[in-house]
């Protein structure tokens, strides 16, 4: 089990390093997927600040949810983060999938954020 966790951390750091190189000053859209919830942040790496954040625990999503572990929740969080980012004046970001493969809830989140108006 420890080896699996270490490999994940290496994969996450490798991915994040490549993203920072390619970002050219753009904010980073970081996603964290736990077993139960999905969290997303738009982070300015130059200042080290979180500009916008959303999760599946927000009141806007929580009241409409049937189950917190499905694709609909991920899509709702993607739309919410896109809406908040556009209000803050952020249109272009780089996507940090956090070492997870681009599949399932991560893909649903990214597609919904793109439909919401974010470009990455």
C-alpha atoms as a PDB file:
ATOM      1  CA  UNK A   1       0.000   0.000   0.000  1.00  0.00           C
ATOM      2  CA  UNK A   2       2.835   2.372   0.819  1.00  0.00           C
ATOM      3  CA  UNK A   3       4.384   1.866  -2.606  1.00  0.00           C
ATOM      4  CA  UNK A   4       1.093   2.761  -4.264  1.00  0.00           C
ATOM      5  CA  UNK A   5       0.845   5.996  -2.314  1.00  0.00           C
ATOM      6  CA  UNK A   6       4.460   6.929  -3.058  1.00  0.00           C
ATOM      7  CA  UNK A   7       3.945   6.339  -6.774  1.00  0.00           C
ATOM      8  CA  UNK A   8       0.844   8.549  -6.689  1.00  0.00           C
ATOM      9  CA  UNK A   9       2.761  11.371  -4.992  1.00  0.00           C
ATOM     10  CA  UNK A  10       5.562  11.145  -7.574  1.00  0.00           C
ATOM     11  CA  UNK A  11       3.031  11.148 -10.409  1.00  0.00           C
ATOM     12  CA  UNK A  12       1.246  14.169  -8.923  1.00  0.00           C
ATOM     13  CA  UNK A  13       4.470  16.155  -8.495  1.00  0.00           C
ATOM     14  CA  UNK A  14       5.662  15.257 -11.997  1.00  0.00           C
ATOM     15  CA  UNK A  15       2.347  16.390 -13.490  1.00  0.00           C
ATOM     16  CA  UNK A  16       2.307  19.596 -11.440  1.00  0.00           C
ATOM     17  CA  UNK A  17       5.865  20.431 -12.510  1.00  0.00           C
ATOM     18  CA  UNK A  18       4.985  20.105 -16.176  1.00  0.00           C
ATOM     19  CA  UNK A  19       1.897  22.233 -15.669  1.00  0.00           C
ATOM     20  CA  UNK A  20       3.884  25.027 -14.002  1.00  0.00           C
ATOM     21  CA  UNK A  21       6.367  25.048 -16.870  1.00  0.00           C
ATOM     22  CA  UNK A  22       3.626  25.281 -19.480  1.00  0.00           C
ATOM     23  CA  UNK A  23       1.450  27.757 -17.558  1.00  0.00           C
ATOM     24  CA  UNK A  24       3.333  30.970 -18.481  1.00  0.00           C
ATOM     25  CA  UNK A  25       1.669  32.867 -15.649  1.00  0.00           C
ATOM     26  CA  UNK A  26      -1.827  31.443 -16.104  1.00  0.00           C
ATOM     27  CA  UNK A  27      -3.723  30.374 -12.987  1.00  0.00           C
ATOM     28  CA  UNK A  28      -3.959  26.653 -12.273  1.00  0.00           C
ATOM     29  CA  UNK A  29      -7.306  24.856 -11.950  1.00  0.00           C
ATOM     30  CA  UNK A  30      -6.560  22.138  -9.417  1.00  0.00           C
ATOM     31  CA  UNK A  31      -8.974  19.316  -8.652  1.00  0.00           C
ATOM     32  CA  UNK A  32      -8.946  16.978  -5.690  1.00  0.00           C
ATOM     33  CA  UNK A  33     -11.164  13.917  -5.788  1.00  0.00           C
ATOM     34  CA  UNK A  34     -11.703  12.036  -2.568  1.00  0.00           C
ATOM     35  CA  UNK A  35     -13.878   8.980  -2.197  1.00  0.00           C
ATOM     36  CA  UNK A  36     -16.856  11.122  -1.245  1.00  0.00           C
ATOM     37  CA  UNK A  37     -16.319  14.734  -2.369  1.00  0.00           C
ATOM     38  CA  UNK A  38     -14.793  16.793  -5.173  1.00  0.00           C
ATOM     39  CA  UNK A  39     -12.869  19.988  -4.485  1.00  0.00           C
ATOM     40  CA  UNK A  40     -11.618  22.513  -7.044  1.00  0.00           C
ATOM     41  CA  UNK A  41      -9.472  25.624  -6.760  1.00  0.00           C
ATOM     42  CA  UNK A  42      -8.138  28.210  -9.150  1.00  0.00           C
ATOM     43  CA  UNK A  43      -4.681  29.035  -7.819  1.00  0.00           C
ATOM     44  CA  UNK A  44      -2.250  31.793  -8.734  1.00  0.00           C
ATOM     45  CA  UNK A  45       1.112  30.069  -8.304  1.00  0.00           C
ATOM     46  CA  UNK A  46       3.106  33.277  -8.646  1.00  0.00           C
ATOM     47  CA  UNK A  47       1.418  34.838  -5.595  1.00  0.00           C
ATOM     48  CA  UNK A  48       0.617  31.569  -3.860  1.00  0.00           C
ATOM     49  CA  UNK A  49      -3.064  32.476  -3.455  1.00  0.00           C
ATOM     50  CA  UNK A  50      -6.316  30.684  -4.053  1.00  0.00           C
ATOM     51  CA  UNK A  51      -8.413  32.913  -6.292  1.00  0.00           C
ATOM     52  CA  UNK A  52     -11.628  30.872  -6.496  1.00  0.00           C
ATOM     53  CA  UNK A  53     -12.749  27.650  -4.824  1.00  0.00           C
ATOM     54  CA  UNK A  54     -15.738  25.306  -5.095  1.00  0.00           C
ATOM     55  CA  UNK A  55     -16.614  21.867  -3.821  1.00  0.00           C
ATOM     56  CA  UNK A  56     -19.423  19.367  -3.781  1.00  0.00           C
ATOM     57  CA  UNK A  57     -20.132  20.474  -0.215  1.00  0.00           C
ATOM     58  CA  UNK A  58     -21.270  23.978  -1.288  1.00  0.00           C
ATOM     59  CA  UNK A  59     -24.879  24.828  -0.488  1.00  0.00           C
ATOM     60  CA  UNK A  60     -25.693  25.340  -4.177  1.00  0.00           C
ATOM     61  CA  UNK A  61     -24.829  21.727  -4.935  1.00  0.00           C
ATOM     62  CA  UNK A  62     -25.543  20.039  -1.623  1.00  0.00           C
ATOM     63  CA  UNK A  63     -29.307  20.701  -1.634  1.00  0.00           C
ATOM     64  CA  UNK A  64     -29.811  19.247  -5.132  1.00  0.00           C
ATOM     65  CA  UNK A  65     -27.664  16.156  -4.672  1.00  0.00           C
ATOM     66  CA  UNK A  66     -28.856  12.576  -4.431  1.00  0.00           C
ATOM     67  CA  UNK A  67     -25.414  10.991  -4.124  1.00  0.00           C
ATOM     68  CA  UNK A  68     -22.070  12.731  -3.676  1.00  0.00           C
ATOM     69  CA  UNK A  69     -19.999  10.153  -5.555  1.00  0.00           C
ATOM     70  CA  UNK A  70     -21.367  10.444  -9.068  1.00  0.00           C
ATOM     71  CA  UNK A  71     -20.714  12.232 -12.328  1.00  0.00           C
ATOM     72  CA  UNK A  72     -23.567  14.700 -11.850  1.00  0.00           C
ATOM     73  CA  UNK A  73     -21.869  16.077  -8.755  1.00  0.00           C
ATOM     74  CA  UNK A  74     -18.606  16.485 -10.635  1.00  0.00           C
ATOM     75  CA  UNK A  75     -20.397  18.296 -13.443  1.00  0.00           C
ATOM     76  CA  UNK A  76     -22.128  20.607 -10.971  1.00  0.00           C
ATOM     77  CA  UNK A  77     -18.805  21.504  -9.330  1.00  0.00           C
ATOM     78  CA  UNK A  78     -17.273  22.125 -12.776  1.00  0.00           C
ATOM     79  CA  UNK A  79     -20.069  24.503 -13.726  1.00  0.00           C
ATOM     80  CA  UNK A  80     -19.857  26.267 -10.345  1.00  0.00           C
ATOM     81  CA  UNK A  81     -16.084  26.813 -10.519  1.00  0.00           C
ATOM     82  CA  UNK A  82     -16.407  28.116 -14.089  1.00  0.00           C
ATOM     83  CA  UNK A  83     -19.111  30.549 -13.022  1.00  0.00           C
ATOM     84  CA  UNK A  84     -17.073  31.811 -10.054  1.00  0.00           C
ATOM     85  CA  UNK A  85     -13.906  32.121 -12.151  1.00  0.00           C
ATOM     86  CA  UNK A  86     -15.641  34.117 -14.867  1.00  0.00           C
ATOM     87  CA  UNK A  87     -17.066  36.477 -12.218  1.00  0.00           C
ATOM     88  CA  UNK A  88     -13.513  36.957 -10.925  1.00  0.00           C
ATOM     89  CA  UNK A  89     -12.306  37.781 -14.455  1.00  0.00           C
ATOM     90  CA  UNK A  90     -10.475  34.505 -15.101  1.00  0.00           C
ATOM     91  CA  UNK A  91     -11.075  32.947 -18.510  1.00  0.00           C
ATOM     92  CA  UNK A  92      -7.921  30.930 -19.235  1.00  0.00           C
ATOM     93  CA  UNK A  93      -6.438  28.384 -16.844  1.00  0.00           C
ATOM     94  CA  UNK A  94      -4.248  25.305 -16.956  1.00  0.00           C
ATOM     95  CA  UNK A  95      -5.842  22.097 -15.696  1.00  0.00           C
ATOM     96  CA  UNK A  96      -4.134  20.189 -12.877  1.00  0.00           C
ATOM     97  CA  UNK A  97      -5.743  16.784 -12.498  1.00  0.00           C
ATOM     98  CA  UNK A  98      -3.668  16.064  -9.398  1.00  0.00           C
ATOM     99  CA  UNK A  99      -2.113  12.798 -10.545  1.00  0.00           C
ATOM    100  CA  UNK A 100      -5.474  11.212 -11.343  1.00  0.00           C
ATOM    101  CA  UNK A 101      -6.162   9.812 -14.785  1.00  0.00           C
ATOM    102  CA  UNK A 102      -8.399  11.873 -17.068  1.00  0.00           C
ATOM    103  CA  UNK A 103     -11.408   9.599 -16.754  1.00  0.00           C
ATOM    104  CA  UNK A 104     -14.718   9.386 -14.933  1.00  0.00           C
ATOM    105  CA  UNK A 105     -15.412  12.179 -12.442  1.00  0.00           C
ATOM    106  CA  UNK A 106     -12.266  14.105 -13.392  1.00  0.00           C
ATOM    107  CA  UNK A 107     -13.267  14.130 -17.066  1.00  0.00           C
ATOM    108  CA  UNK A 108     -16.875  15.063 -16.226  1.00  0.00           C
ATOM    109  CA  UNK A 109     -15.614  17.960 -14.104  1.00  0.00           C
ATOM    110  CA  UNK A 110     -13.300  19.230 -16.856  1.00  0.00           C
ATOM    111  CA  UNK A 111     -15.943  18.990 -19.566  1.00  0.00           C
ATOM    112  CA  UNK A 112     -18.470  20.889 -17.428  1.00  0.00           C
ATOM    113  CA  UNK A 113     -15.911  23.601 -16.638  1.00  0.00           C
ATOM    114  CA  UNK A 114     -15.223  24.000 -20.374  1.00  0.00           C
ATOM    115  CA  UNK A 115     -18.948  24.225 -21.096  1.00  0.00           C
ATOM    116  CA  UNK A 116     -19.204  26.841 -18.363  1.00  0.00           C
ATOM    117  CA  UNK A 117     -16.776  29.084 -20.242  1.00  0.00           C
ATOM    118  CA  UNK A 118     -13.277  28.265 -18.936  1.00  0.00           C
ATOM    119  CA  UNK A 119     -10.597  27.695 -21.552  1.00  0.00           C
ATOM    120  CA  UNK A 120      -7.860  25.123 -20.962  1.00  0.00           C
END
